[in-house]
Each structure stands twice: as C-alpha cells, then as structure tokens.
Amino acid sequence: MFKFLSLMFFTIGLLSPLSQSHAHGPVKALIVSCVDYRLVTDDVPDFAKILGLTEKTDLLTIPGASLGATLSPDKADPHHMHDLEAAFNQTFEFMKTAHNFEEVYVIDHRDCGMYKKIYGDKYAKERYDETKQHAENMKKFREKMKTAFPDKTVRFFLMDIVPAGQPIKYDEIKFKNDNEIDVVTTAWSDQPAQTLTLP
C-alpha cells in the first residue's frame, strides 16, 4: 500500500514504497504520475500490481506527469508555473540518490486538467490527437532521462479515466526512434493499435 509523505514542491508529492516499511537504500522502480486523485488513490496502485511492482516502488506525483516534468518557460510563465520543472528535477535527483532505482514508469492520463490548462484552445479533444499530444511530452521526458538516467529502463503509459471498480484501460507508448512511436494497446483497451510520427 502507498503511504503519503508530502513535499513542499508546489503540488509534487512523494509516496514511499508500496511495502509497509519505510525504505532505506535501493528500490526497484520509480513511478511518475499525475496528481489527479482518480489515479493516485486507486488506479496507480492497481496498475503497479499489473506491472509487477508490488514492493519497493516509489511514486512521485506532479501535475500532468510528463508535461509538468518538462514544462518549458514559454508554457509555464503565463500560468506562473515556471518553477515546476525545477522542482521535479530536484525531487528526482534526491530520490535517485536516496533509493537508487533501476526503472522509471511514467503514467499520463487522458482528460488531464493540466493539459487543458497549459494548452488551452490547443488542447487535443480527439483520442488520436490527445495521444500524440501526450507522446510529444513523453518524448521530452525521454530526452531528459538520457542525461539524468542514462542506460536505464524508462517506460511510458497513457491511462483512461474509468469509473471506480471497472478494469484499468491504458496504452503503452513505445518509442521506435526519436520521432516515431508505437501505441500498444492492452487487454484493458478497446482501441486499435497505431503508429504515430512526432515532430
């Protein structure tokens, strides 16, 4: 079960490992998720079990997940969020040093309030365009990890928001190269697989 420990980095939160004890030393993985309560309270813990991350897993939450972690000044300043990426970077480095995790799992979700706030009229409402918009920010996160977390496993997921009690639905975003991705559907998603080209 997740246990919550708040951090004063805007709305960033750090959750201790899935096991009941406080972690000192290495953990298996770090999950980077949006702060949306619909994910944090139910879907992320359940999804961690699907991925086999049943213990020694940290969770770092930030608005928009991949978007908040890579928020450029031109997008951040109009919303007074210019320190959000720096807060993520500082928290990530602290957790990496403290727990020495080997893998990072990034979980964005559809119908995200942070995306609506930052993109405004340019927010993608259609599923295909929404997937591409999230993937563009995941691409930026992937570039960040090449420096901050080289030679380690980084995986990306885009989850649907479903009513409580229903099976989790998600797509995995797999990078074939810097500009092309495969959107891999799962048994919990009824959408067809697709390949997208990014700018």
N, C-alpha and C. Protein backbone atom coordinates (compact mmCIF):
# COMPACT_ATOMS: atom_id res chain seq x y z
N MET A 1 0.85 -1.19 0.00
CA MET A 1 0.00 0.00 0.00
C MET A 1 0.88 1.24 0.00
N PHE A 2 0.47 2.28 -0.73
CA PHE A 2 1.19 3.53 -0.73
C PHE A 2 0.99 4.25 0.59
N LYS A 3 2.02 4.93 1.04
CA LYS A 3 1.89 5.79 2.20
C LYS A 3 2.37 7.18 1.78
N PHE A 4 1.65 8.22 2.19
CA PHE A 4 1.89 9.55 1.65
C PHE A 4 2.79 10.37 2.56
N LEU A 5 3.76 11.03 1.95
CA LEU A 5 4.63 11.97 2.64
C LEU A 5 4.71 13.20 1.75
N SER A 6 4.16 14.32 2.20
CA SER A 6 4.08 15.50 1.33
C SER A 6 5.42 16.18 1.24
N LEU A 7 5.65 16.81 0.08
CA LEU A 7 6.82 17.63 -0.15
C LEU A 7 6.36 19.02 -0.56
N MET A 8 7.07 20.06 -0.16
CA MET A 8 6.66 21.42 -0.46
C MET A 8 7.22 21.88 -1.79
N PHE A 9 7.09 21.07 -2.80
CA PHE A 9 7.45 21.45 -4.16
C PHE A 9 6.17 21.63 -4.95
N PHE A 10 5.50 22.76 -4.75
CA PHE A 10 4.20 23.01 -5.36
C PHE A 10 3.27 21.84 -5.03
N THR A 11 2.71 21.20 -6.04
CA THR A 11 1.81 20.09 -5.75
C THR A 11 2.49 18.75 -5.94
N ILE A 12 3.80 18.75 -5.96
CA ILE A 12 4.51 17.48 -6.09
C ILE A 12 4.40 16.72 -4.77
N GLY A 13 4.16 15.43 -4.87
CA GLY A 13 4.12 14.59 -3.69
C GLY A 13 5.06 13.42 -3.85
N LEU A 14 5.61 12.96 -2.77
CA LEU A 14 6.46 11.79 -2.79
C LEU A 14 5.80 10.72 -1.96
N LEU A 15 5.55 9.58 -2.57
CA LEU A 15 4.95 8.48 -1.83
C LEU A 15 6.00 7.41 -1.61
N SER A 16 6.02 6.89 -0.42
CA SER A 16 7.02 5.90 -0.07
C SER A 16 6.71 4.57 -0.74
N PRO A 17 7.61 3.59 -0.66
CA PRO A 17 7.43 2.34 -1.39
C PRO A 17 6.11 1.66 -1.08
N LEU A 18 5.73 0.76 -2.00
CA LEU A 18 4.47 0.05 -1.86
C LEU A 18 4.45 -0.85 -0.63
N SER A 19 5.62 -1.23 -0.17
CA SER A 19 5.67 -2.04 1.04
C SER A 19 5.34 -1.18 2.25
N GLN A 20 5.02 -1.80 3.37
CA GLN A 20 4.60 -1.07 4.56
C GLN A 20 5.75 -0.35 5.25
N SER A 21 6.97 -0.84 5.09
CA SER A 21 8.09 -0.24 5.81
C SER A 21 8.67 0.93 5.04
N HIS A 22 9.29 1.87 5.75
CA HIS A 22 9.98 2.96 5.10
C HIS A 22 11.25 2.42 4.45
N ALA A 23 11.54 2.92 3.24
CA ALA A 23 12.69 2.40 2.51
C ALA A 23 13.95 3.15 2.85
N HIS A 24 15.02 2.43 3.03
CA HIS A 24 16.35 2.99 3.14
C HIS A 24 17.22 2.18 2.20
N GLY A 25 17.78 2.85 1.19
CA GLY A 25 18.56 2.12 0.21
C GLY A 25 17.77 1.86 -1.05
N PRO A 26 18.26 0.94 -1.89
CA PRO A 26 17.69 0.74 -3.22
C PRO A 26 16.23 0.32 -3.23
N VAL A 27 15.50 0.80 -4.24
CA VAL A 27 14.17 0.32 -4.54
C VAL A 27 14.17 -0.11 -6.00
N LYS A 28 13.14 -0.84 -6.40
CA LYS A 28 13.10 -1.38 -7.76
C LYS A 28 12.83 -0.31 -8.81
N ALA A 29 11.84 0.55 -8.54
CA ALA A 29 11.40 1.46 -9.60
C ALA A 29 10.81 2.73 -9.02
N LEU A 30 10.72 3.74 -9.89
CA LEU A 30 10.04 4.99 -9.60
C LEU A 30 8.89 5.15 -10.59
N ILE A 31 7.70 5.42 -10.08
CA ILE A 31 6.56 5.75 -10.94
C ILE A 31 6.36 7.26 -10.89
N VAL A 32 6.30 7.89 -12.06
CA VAL A 32 5.99 9.32 -12.16
C VAL A 32 4.57 9.43 -12.68
N SER A 33 3.69 10.01 -11.88
CA SER A 33 2.27 10.06 -12.20
C SER A 33 1.73 11.47 -12.04
N CYS A 34 0.59 11.73 -12.67
CA CYS A 34 -0.14 12.97 -12.43
C CYS A 34 -0.68 12.96 -11.00
N VAL A 35 -1.00 14.16 -10.51
CA VAL A 35 -1.51 14.28 -9.14
C VAL A 35 -3.00 13.95 -9.03
N ASP A 36 -3.68 13.76 -10.13
CA ASP A 36 -5.13 13.52 -10.14
C ASP A 36 -5.49 12.42 -9.14
N TYR A 37 -6.39 12.74 -8.22
CA TYR A 37 -6.74 11.78 -7.16
C TYR A 37 -7.32 10.49 -7.71
N ARG A 38 -7.93 10.57 -8.91
CA ARG A 38 -8.52 9.37 -9.51
C ARG A 38 -7.45 8.34 -9.85
N LEU A 39 -6.24 8.82 -10.10
CA LEU A 39 -5.13 7.91 -10.37
C LEU A 39 -4.45 7.47 -9.08
N VAL A 40 -4.11 8.45 -8.25
CA VAL A 40 -3.25 8.18 -7.09
C VAL A 40 -3.91 7.26 -6.08
N THR A 41 -5.22 7.41 -5.87
CA THR A 41 -5.87 6.62 -4.82
C THR A 41 -6.20 5.20 -5.24
N ASP A 42 -6.47 4.98 -6.53
CA ASP A 42 -6.89 3.65 -6.96
C ASP A 42 -6.07 3.10 -8.12
N ASP A 43 -6.07 3.82 -9.25
CA ASP A 43 -5.54 3.26 -10.49
C ASP A 43 -4.04 3.00 -10.44
N VAL A 44 -3.26 3.92 -9.91
CA VAL A 44 -1.81 3.73 -9.91
C VAL A 44 -1.39 2.53 -9.05
N PRO A 45 -1.90 2.39 -7.81
CA PRO A 45 -1.55 1.19 -7.05
C PRO A 45 -1.96 -0.11 -7.75
N ASP A 46 -3.16 -0.11 -8.37
CA ASP A 46 -3.60 -1.31 -9.10
C ASP A 46 -2.74 -1.55 -10.33
N PHE A 47 -2.38 -0.48 -11.01
CA PHE A 47 -1.56 -0.60 -12.21
C PHE A 47 -0.16 -1.09 -11.86
N ALA A 48 0.36 -0.64 -10.72
CA ALA A 48 1.67 -1.11 -10.27
C ALA A 48 1.68 -2.63 -10.10
N LYS A 49 0.58 -3.17 -9.62
CA LYS A 49 0.48 -4.62 -9.45
C LYS A 49 0.48 -5.31 -10.82
N ILE A 50 -0.22 -4.72 -11.81
CA ILE A 50 -0.23 -5.28 -13.16
C ILE A 50 1.19 -5.34 -13.73
N LEU A 51 1.98 -4.32 -13.42
CA LEU A 51 3.35 -4.24 -13.92
C LEU A 51 4.31 -5.10 -13.09
N GLY A 52 3.81 -5.68 -12.02
CA GLY A 52 4.67 -6.50 -11.17
C GLY A 52 5.45 -5.69 -10.15
N LEU A 53 5.05 -4.44 -9.93
CA LEU A 53 5.74 -3.58 -8.97
C LEU A 53 4.99 -3.61 -7.65
N THR A 54 5.12 -4.70 -6.96
CA THR A 54 4.32 -4.92 -5.75
C THR A 54 5.02 -4.49 -4.48
N GLU A 55 6.30 -4.18 -4.55
CA GLU A 55 7.01 -3.70 -3.37
C GLU A 55 8.22 -2.89 -3.80
N LYS A 56 8.72 -2.10 -2.86
CA LYS A 56 9.89 -1.27 -3.09
C LYS A 56 9.77 -0.44 -4.38
N THR A 57 8.66 0.28 -4.47
CA THR A 57 8.42 1.17 -5.60
C THR A 57 8.04 2.55 -5.08
N ASP A 58 8.74 3.58 -5.53
CA ASP A 58 8.42 4.95 -5.15
C ASP A 58 7.46 5.57 -6.16
N LEU A 59 6.68 6.54 -5.70
CA LEU A 59 5.77 7.27 -6.57
C LEU A 59 5.98 8.75 -6.40
N LEU A 60 6.29 9.44 -7.49
CA LEU A 60 6.43 10.88 -7.49
C LEU A 60 5.31 11.47 -8.34
N THR A 61 4.48 12.32 -7.74
CA THR A 61 3.36 12.88 -8.49
C THR A 61 3.60 14.34 -8.81
N ILE A 62 3.22 14.73 -10.03
CA ILE A 62 3.39 16.09 -10.48
C ILE A 62 2.27 16.38 -11.50
N PRO A 63 1.69 17.57 -11.51
CA PRO A 63 0.60 17.85 -12.45
C PRO A 63 1.00 17.56 -13.89
N GLY A 64 0.19 16.73 -14.55
CA GLY A 64 0.45 16.42 -15.95
C GLY A 64 1.52 15.37 -16.19
N ALA A 65 2.14 14.87 -15.14
CA ALA A 65 3.21 13.84 -15.26
C ALA A 65 4.28 14.30 -16.25
N SER A 66 4.34 13.73 -17.44
CA SER A 66 5.41 14.08 -18.38
C SER A 66 5.37 15.56 -18.77
N LEU A 67 4.20 16.16 -18.80
CA LEU A 67 4.08 17.58 -19.13
C LEU A 67 4.68 18.46 -18.04
N GLY A 68 4.29 18.23 -16.80
CA GLY A 68 4.81 19.02 -15.70
C GLY A 68 6.31 18.88 -15.50
N ALA A 69 6.82 17.69 -15.78
CA ALA A 69 8.24 17.42 -15.59
C ALA A 69 9.12 18.06 -16.65
N THR A 70 8.51 18.49 -17.76
CA THR A 70 9.28 19.05 -18.87
C THR A 70 8.71 20.40 -19.32
N LEU A 71 8.02 21.08 -18.43
CA LEU A 71 7.29 22.30 -18.80
C LEU A 71 8.26 23.43 -19.17
N SER A 72 8.22 23.84 -20.42
CA SER A 72 9.12 24.88 -20.91
C SER A 72 8.69 26.25 -20.41
N PRO A 73 9.63 27.19 -20.29
CA PRO A 73 9.29 28.52 -19.75
C PRO A 73 8.19 29.23 -20.52
N ASP A 74 8.15 29.09 -21.85
CA ASP A 74 7.13 29.78 -22.63
C ASP A 74 5.73 29.30 -22.30
N LYS A 75 5.61 28.03 -21.90
CA LYS A 75 4.31 27.49 -21.50
C LYS A 75 4.04 27.69 -20.01
N ALA A 76 5.10 27.74 -19.22
CA ALA A 76 4.95 27.81 -17.77
C ALA A 76 4.65 29.22 -17.28
N ASP A 77 5.34 30.21 -17.82
CA ASP A 77 5.27 31.56 -17.28
C ASP A 77 3.86 32.17 -17.29
N PRO A 78 3.07 32.00 -18.37
CA PRO A 78 1.72 32.58 -18.34
C PRO A 78 0.85 32.02 -17.23
N HIS A 79 1.21 30.85 -16.72
CA HIS A 79 0.42 30.19 -15.68
C HIS A 79 1.13 30.23 -14.32
N HIS A 80 2.24 30.99 -14.25
CA HIS A 80 3.00 31.12 -13.01
C HIS A 80 3.48 29.77 -12.48
N MET A 81 3.93 28.94 -13.41
CA MET A 81 4.43 27.61 -13.05
C MET A 81 5.88 27.43 -13.48
N HIS A 82 6.63 28.51 -13.51
CA HIS A 82 7.98 28.44 -14.07
C HIS A 82 8.95 27.62 -13.22
N ASP A 83 8.61 27.32 -11.97
CA ASP A 83 9.50 26.53 -11.11
C ASP A 83 9.11 25.05 -11.06
N LEU A 84 8.08 24.67 -11.80
CA LEU A 84 7.57 23.30 -11.68
C LEU A 84 8.59 22.28 -12.17
N GLU A 85 9.20 22.51 -13.33
CA GLU A 85 10.19 21.55 -13.84
C GLU A 85 11.39 21.47 -12.91
N ALA A 86 11.83 22.62 -12.38
CA ALA A 86 12.97 22.61 -11.46
C ALA A 86 12.66 21.81 -10.20
N ALA A 87 11.43 21.94 -9.70
CA ALA A 87 11.03 21.18 -8.52
C ALA A 87 11.06 19.68 -8.81
N PHE A 88 10.58 19.31 -10.00
CA PHE A 88 10.64 17.90 -10.39
C PHE A 88 12.09 17.42 -10.45
N ASN A 89 12.96 18.20 -11.10
CA ASN A 89 14.36 17.81 -11.26
C ASN A 89 15.02 17.59 -9.90
N GLN A 90 14.77 18.50 -8.97
CA GLN A 90 15.38 18.38 -7.64
C GLN A 90 14.87 17.15 -6.90
N THR A 91 13.56 16.91 -7.00
CA THR A 91 12.97 15.75 -6.33
C THR A 91 13.48 14.46 -6.94
N PHE A 92 13.53 14.41 -8.27
CA PHE A 92 14.01 13.22 -8.97
C PHE A 92 15.44 12.90 -8.55
N GLU A 93 16.31 13.89 -8.52
CA GLU A 93 17.71 13.66 -8.16
C GLU A 93 17.83 13.18 -6.72
N PHE A 94 17.03 13.76 -5.83
CA PHE A 94 17.05 13.31 -4.44
C PHE A 94 16.65 11.85 -4.33
N MET A 95 15.55 11.49 -5.01
CA MET A 95 15.04 10.12 -4.92
C MET A 95 16.01 9.14 -5.58
N LYS A 96 16.62 9.55 -6.68
CA LYS A 96 17.58 8.68 -7.35
C LYS A 96 18.78 8.39 -6.45
N THR A 97 19.24 9.42 -5.77
CA THR A 97 20.39 9.26 -4.86
C THR A 97 20.01 8.44 -3.63
N ALA A 98 18.83 8.71 -3.08
CA ALA A 98 18.42 8.05 -1.85
C ALA A 98 18.06 6.59 -2.06
N HIS A 99 17.43 6.27 -3.21
CA HIS A 99 16.87 4.93 -3.40
C HIS A 99 17.48 4.15 -4.56
N ASN A 100 18.23 4.83 -5.42
CA ASN A 100 18.99 4.13 -6.47
C ASN A 100 18.11 3.18 -7.29
N PHE A 101 16.94 3.67 -7.73
CA PHE A 101 16.03 2.83 -8.50
C PHE A 101 16.61 2.53 -9.89
N GLU A 102 16.15 1.43 -10.46
CA GLU A 102 16.68 0.96 -11.74
C GLU A 102 15.74 1.25 -12.91
N GLU A 103 14.48 1.55 -12.64
CA GLU A 103 13.50 1.74 -13.70
C GLU A 103 12.61 2.94 -13.39
N VAL A 104 12.11 3.59 -14.45
CA VAL A 104 11.16 4.68 -14.30
C VAL A 104 9.93 4.37 -15.15
N TYR A 105 8.75 4.51 -14.56
CA TYR A 105 7.48 4.30 -15.27
C TYR A 105 6.72 5.63 -15.23
N VAL A 106 6.42 6.18 -16.39
CA VAL A 106 5.72 7.46 -16.49
C VAL A 106 4.26 7.20 -16.87
N ILE A 107 3.34 7.69 -16.05
CA ILE A 107 1.92 7.45 -16.27
C ILE A 107 1.19 8.77 -16.47
N ASP A 108 0.89 9.10 -17.72
CA ASP A 108 -0.02 10.19 -18.04
C ASP A 108 -1.44 9.65 -18.06
N HIS A 109 -2.42 10.55 -18.12
CA HIS A 109 -3.81 10.07 -18.26
C HIS A 109 -4.60 10.99 -19.17
N ARG A 110 -5.63 10.45 -19.76
CA ARG A 110 -6.50 11.22 -20.66
C ARG A 110 -7.41 12.16 -19.85
N ASP A 111 -7.94 13.16 -20.54
CA ASP A 111 -8.82 14.14 -19.91
C ASP A 111 -8.11 14.81 -18.73
N CYS A 112 -6.85 15.19 -18.96
CA CYS A 112 -5.99 15.73 -17.90
C CYS A 112 -6.19 17.24 -17.76
N GLY A 113 -6.47 17.68 -16.54
CA GLY A 113 -6.69 19.09 -16.28
C GLY A 113 -5.46 19.94 -16.54
N MET A 114 -4.28 19.40 -16.29
CA MET A 114 -3.05 20.15 -16.53
C MET A 114 -2.87 20.41 -18.02
N TYR A 115 -3.14 19.41 -18.84
CA TYR A 115 -3.05 19.60 -20.29
C TYR A 115 -4.04 20.66 -20.76
N LYS A 116 -5.25 20.63 -20.22
CA LYS A 116 -6.26 21.61 -20.60
C LYS A 116 -5.82 23.02 -20.20
N LYS A 117 -5.20 23.14 -19.04
CA LYS A 117 -4.76 24.45 -18.55
C LYS A 117 -3.62 25.00 -19.41
N ILE A 118 -2.63 24.17 -19.70
CA ILE A 118 -1.45 24.64 -20.42
C ILE A 118 -1.73 24.85 -21.91
N TYR A 119 -2.46 23.93 -22.52
CA TYR A 119 -2.70 24.02 -23.96
C TYR A 119 -3.89 24.90 -24.32
N GLY A 120 -4.83 25.09 -23.40
CA GLY A 120 -5.96 25.96 -23.67
C GLY A 120 -6.74 25.53 -24.90
N ASP A 121 -6.91 26.46 -25.85
CA ASP A 121 -7.67 26.16 -27.07
C ASP A 121 -6.99 25.11 -27.93
N LYS A 122 -5.70 24.87 -27.71
CA LYS A 122 -4.97 23.89 -28.50
C LYS A 122 -5.00 22.48 -27.88
N TYR A 123 -5.73 22.35 -26.77
CA TYR A 123 -5.85 21.03 -26.13
C TYR A 123 -6.53 20.05 -27.09
N ALA A 124 -5.95 18.88 -27.24
CA ALA A 124 -6.48 17.89 -28.18
C ALA A 124 -7.66 17.14 -27.56
N LYS A 125 -8.80 17.21 -28.22
CA LYS A 125 -10.01 16.58 -27.69
C LYS A 125 -10.25 15.20 -28.30
N GLU A 126 -9.77 14.98 -29.51
CA GLU A 126 -9.94 13.68 -30.15
C GLU A 126 -8.87 12.72 -29.64
N ARG A 127 -9.23 11.44 -29.53
CA ARG A 127 -8.34 10.46 -28.92
C ARG A 127 -6.98 10.38 -29.63
N TYR A 128 -7.00 10.34 -30.96
CA TYR A 128 -5.75 10.24 -31.72
C TYR A 128 -4.86 11.44 -31.43
N ASP A 129 -5.42 12.64 -31.49
CA ASP A 129 -4.64 13.86 -31.26
C ASP A 129 -4.19 13.97 -29.81
N GLU A 130 -5.03 13.51 -28.91
CA GLU A 130 -4.68 13.52 -27.48
C GLU A 130 -3.48 12.61 -27.23
N THR A 131 -3.50 11.44 -27.83
CA THR A 131 -2.37 10.50 -27.70
C THR A 131 -1.09 11.15 -28.19
N LYS A 132 -1.17 11.81 -29.33
CA LYS A 132 0.00 12.45 -29.92
C LYS A 132 0.51 13.59 -29.04
N GLN A 133 -0.40 14.35 -28.45
CA GLN A 133 -0.01 15.46 -27.58
C GLN A 133 0.74 14.95 -26.35
N HIS A 134 0.24 13.88 -25.76
CA HIS A 134 0.93 13.28 -24.62
C HIS A 134 2.28 12.72 -25.04
N ALA A 135 2.32 12.07 -26.20
CA ALA A 135 3.56 11.45 -26.67
C ALA A 135 4.64 12.49 -26.92
N GLU A 136 4.25 13.68 -27.35
CA GLU A 136 5.24 14.74 -27.58
C GLU A 136 5.91 15.14 -26.27
N ASN A 137 5.16 15.17 -25.18
CA ASN A 137 5.76 15.48 -23.89
C ASN A 137 6.54 14.31 -23.33
N MET A 138 6.08 13.10 -23.62
CA MET A 138 6.86 11.92 -23.23
C MET A 138 8.20 11.89 -23.94
N LYS A 139 8.21 12.35 -25.19
CA LYS A 139 9.46 12.44 -25.94
C LYS A 139 10.44 13.38 -25.23
N LYS A 140 9.94 14.52 -24.73
CA LYS A 140 10.78 15.46 -23.98
C LYS A 140 11.29 14.81 -22.70
N PHE A 141 10.42 14.06 -22.04
CA PHE A 141 10.83 13.36 -20.81
C PHE A 141 11.91 12.34 -21.14
N ARG A 142 11.74 11.64 -22.24
CA ARG A 142 12.72 10.64 -22.67
C ARG A 142 14.08 11.29 -22.92
N GLU A 143 14.07 12.47 -23.53
CA GLU A 143 15.32 13.20 -23.76
C GLU A 143 15.96 13.60 -22.44
N LYS A 144 15.14 14.04 -21.48
CA LYS A 144 15.65 14.41 -20.16
C LYS A 144 16.33 13.22 -19.49
N MET A 145 15.73 12.04 -19.61
CA MET A 145 16.26 10.86 -18.95
C MET A 145 17.58 10.37 -19.57
N LYS A 146 17.83 10.72 -20.84
CA LYS A 146 19.08 10.33 -21.47
C LYS A 146 20.28 10.92 -20.73
N THR A 147 20.05 12.07 -20.10
CA THR A 147 21.10 12.71 -19.29
C THR A 147 20.98 12.36 -17.82
N ALA A 148 19.75 12.45 -17.30
CA ALA A 148 19.54 12.26 -15.86
C ALA A 148 19.54 10.80 -15.44
N PHE A 149 19.22 9.89 -16.38
CA PHE A 149 19.03 8.47 -16.04
C PHE A 149 19.50 7.60 -17.20
N PRO A 150 20.75 7.77 -17.65
CA PRO A 150 21.23 7.05 -18.84
C PRO A 150 21.32 5.55 -18.63
N ASP A 151 21.08 4.81 -19.71
CA ASP A 151 21.23 3.36 -19.72
C ASP A 151 20.30 2.64 -18.74
N LYS A 152 19.19 3.28 -18.41
CA LYS A 152 18.21 2.66 -17.53
C LYS A 152 16.88 2.52 -18.27
N THR A 153 16.01 1.70 -17.73
CA THR A 153 14.70 1.46 -18.35
C THR A 153 13.73 2.58 -18.02
N VAL A 154 13.12 3.17 -19.07
CA VAL A 154 12.07 4.18 -18.90
C VAL A 154 10.89 3.76 -19.79
N ARG A 155 9.73 3.58 -19.18
CA ARG A 155 8.54 3.16 -19.93
C ARG A 155 7.43 4.19 -19.76
N PHE A 156 6.57 4.31 -20.79
CA PHE A 156 5.55 5.34 -20.81
C PHE A 156 4.16 4.73 -21.02
N PHE A 157 3.19 5.26 -20.26
CA PHE A 157 1.82 4.76 -20.34
C PHE A 157 0.84 5.92 -20.35
N LEU A 158 -0.28 5.72 -21.05
CA LEU A 158 -1.35 6.71 -21.11
C LEU A 158 -2.64 6.01 -20.70
N MET A 159 -3.17 6.40 -19.55
CA MET A 159 -4.31 5.71 -18.97
C MET A 159 -5.62 6.44 -19.24
N ASP A 160 -6.67 5.66 -19.42
CA ASP A 160 -8.03 6.21 -19.44
C ASP A 160 -8.51 6.38 -18.01
N ILE A 161 -9.35 7.37 -17.80
CA ILE A 161 -10.03 7.51 -16.51
C ILE A 161 -11.32 6.72 -16.59
N VAL A 162 -11.44 5.70 -15.76
CA VAL A 162 -12.63 4.84 -15.78
C VAL A 162 -13.31 4.90 -14.42
N PRO A 163 -14.61 4.64 -14.37
CA PRO A 163 -15.33 4.66 -13.09
C PRO A 163 -14.74 3.64 -12.11
N ALA A 164 -14.84 3.94 -10.84
CA ALA A 164 -14.33 3.05 -9.80
C ALA A 164 -14.91 1.66 -9.95
N GLY A 165 -14.05 0.67 -9.80
CA GLY A 165 -14.49 -0.71 -9.88
C GLY A 165 -14.39 -1.33 -11.25
N GLN A 166 -14.18 -0.51 -12.28
CA GLN A 166 -14.03 -1.05 -13.63
C GLN A 166 -12.56 -1.34 -13.93
N PRO A 167 -12.30 -2.29 -14.86
CA PRO A 167 -10.92 -2.64 -15.20
C PRO A 167 -10.14 -1.43 -15.73
N ILE A 168 -8.87 -1.38 -15.41
CA ILE A 168 -8.00 -0.31 -15.88
C ILE A 168 -7.82 -0.41 -17.39
N LYS A 169 -7.85 0.73 -18.07
CA LYS A 169 -7.61 0.79 -19.51
C LYS A 169 -6.40 1.70 -19.76
N TYR A 170 -5.46 1.22 -20.54
CA TYR A 170 -4.27 2.03 -20.80
C TYR A 170 -3.61 1.62 -22.11
N ASP A 171 -2.81 2.53 -22.64
CA ASP A 171 -1.95 2.25 -23.79
C ASP A 171 -0.51 2.44 -23.36
N GLU A 172 0.38 1.62 -23.88
CA GLU A 172 1.81 1.84 -23.66
C GLU A 172 2.37 2.56 -24.88
N ILE A 173 3.13 3.62 -24.62
CA ILE A 173 3.75 4.40 -25.68
C ILE A 173 5.19 3.92 -25.82
N LYS A 174 5.50 3.27 -26.93
CA LYS A 174 6.84 2.72 -27.15
C LYS A 174 7.55 3.51 -28.25
N PHE A 175 8.72 4.01 -27.93
CA PHE A 175 9.49 4.80 -28.89
C PHE A 175 10.31 3.87 -29.79
N LYS A 176 10.02 3.93 -31.08
CA LYS A 176 10.81 3.18 -32.06
C LYS A 176 12.11 3.93 -32.36
N ASN A 177 12.02 5.25 -32.37
CA ASN A 177 13.17 6.15 -32.53
C ASN A 177 12.73 7.50 -31.97
N ASP A 178 13.49 8.55 -32.25
CA ASP A 178 13.18 9.86 -31.67
C ASP A 178 11.89 10.47 -32.20
N ASN A 179 11.45 10.05 -33.37
CA ASN A 179 10.30 10.70 -33.99
C ASN A 179 9.14 9.77 -34.33
N GLU A 180 9.24 8.52 -33.92
CA GLU A 180 8.17 7.58 -34.24
C GLU A 180 7.89 6.69 -33.04
N ILE A 181 6.61 6.49 -32.78
CA ILE A 181 6.21 5.67 -31.64
C ILE A 181 5.19 4.63 -32.06
N ASP A 182 5.14 3.56 -31.31
CA ASP A 182 4.05 2.60 -31.40
C ASP A 182 3.17 2.78 -30.19
N VAL A 183 1.87 2.90 -30.43
CA VAL A 183 0.91 2.95 -29.33
C VAL A 183 0.36 1.55 -29.18
N VAL A 184 0.80 0.87 -28.15
CA VAL A 184 0.48 -0.54 -27.95
C VAL A 184 -0.71 -0.66 -27.00
N THR A 185 -1.79 -1.19 -27.51
CA THR A 185 -2.98 -1.35 -26.68
C THR A 185 -2.85 -2.59 -25.80
N THR A 186 -3.76 -2.69 -24.85
CA THR A 186 -3.72 -3.78 -23.89
C THR A 186 -5.07 -4.48 -23.83
N ALA A 187 -5.11 -5.50 -23.04
CA ALA A 187 -6.38 -6.23 -22.86
C ALA A 187 -7.44 -5.36 -22.21
N TRP A 188 -7.00 -4.23 -21.60
CA TRP A 188 -7.96 -3.34 -20.94
C TRP A 188 -8.39 -2.20 -21.85
N SER A 189 -7.92 -2.18 -23.11
CA SER A 189 -8.27 -1.11 -24.03
C SER A 189 -8.92 -1.68 -25.28
N ASP A 190 -9.97 -1.02 -25.77
CA ASP A 190 -10.66 -1.49 -26.97
C ASP A 190 -10.29 -0.67 -28.20
N GLN A 191 -9.21 0.12 -28.09
CA GLN A 191 -8.78 0.94 -29.22
C GLN A 191 -7.76 0.20 -30.07
N PRO A 192 -7.78 0.42 -31.40
CA PRO A 192 -6.81 -0.27 -32.27
C PRO A 192 -5.39 0.25 -32.06
N ALA A 193 -4.41 -0.62 -32.35
CA ALA A 193 -3.01 -0.21 -32.27
C ALA A 193 -2.71 0.79 -33.38
N GLN A 194 -1.75 1.67 -33.14
CA GLN A 194 -1.41 2.65 -34.14
C GLN A 194 0.04 3.08 -34.01
N THR A 195 0.61 3.55 -35.12
CA THR A 195 1.96 4.11 -35.13
C THR A 195 1.84 5.59 -35.44
N LEU A 196 2.49 6.42 -34.65
CA LEU A 196 2.41 7.86 -34.82
C LEU A 196 3.80 8.44 -35.09
N THR A 197 3.84 9.49 -35.89
CA THR A 197 5.08 10.22 -36.15
C THR A 197 5.02 11.54 -35.40
N LEU A 198 6.08 11.85 -34.65
CA LEU A 198 6.13 13.07 -33.85
C LEU A 198 6.98 14.12 -34.54
N PRO A 199 6.71 15.39 -34.25
CA PRO A 199 7.53 16.46 -34.85
C PRO A 199 8.93 16.48 -34.28
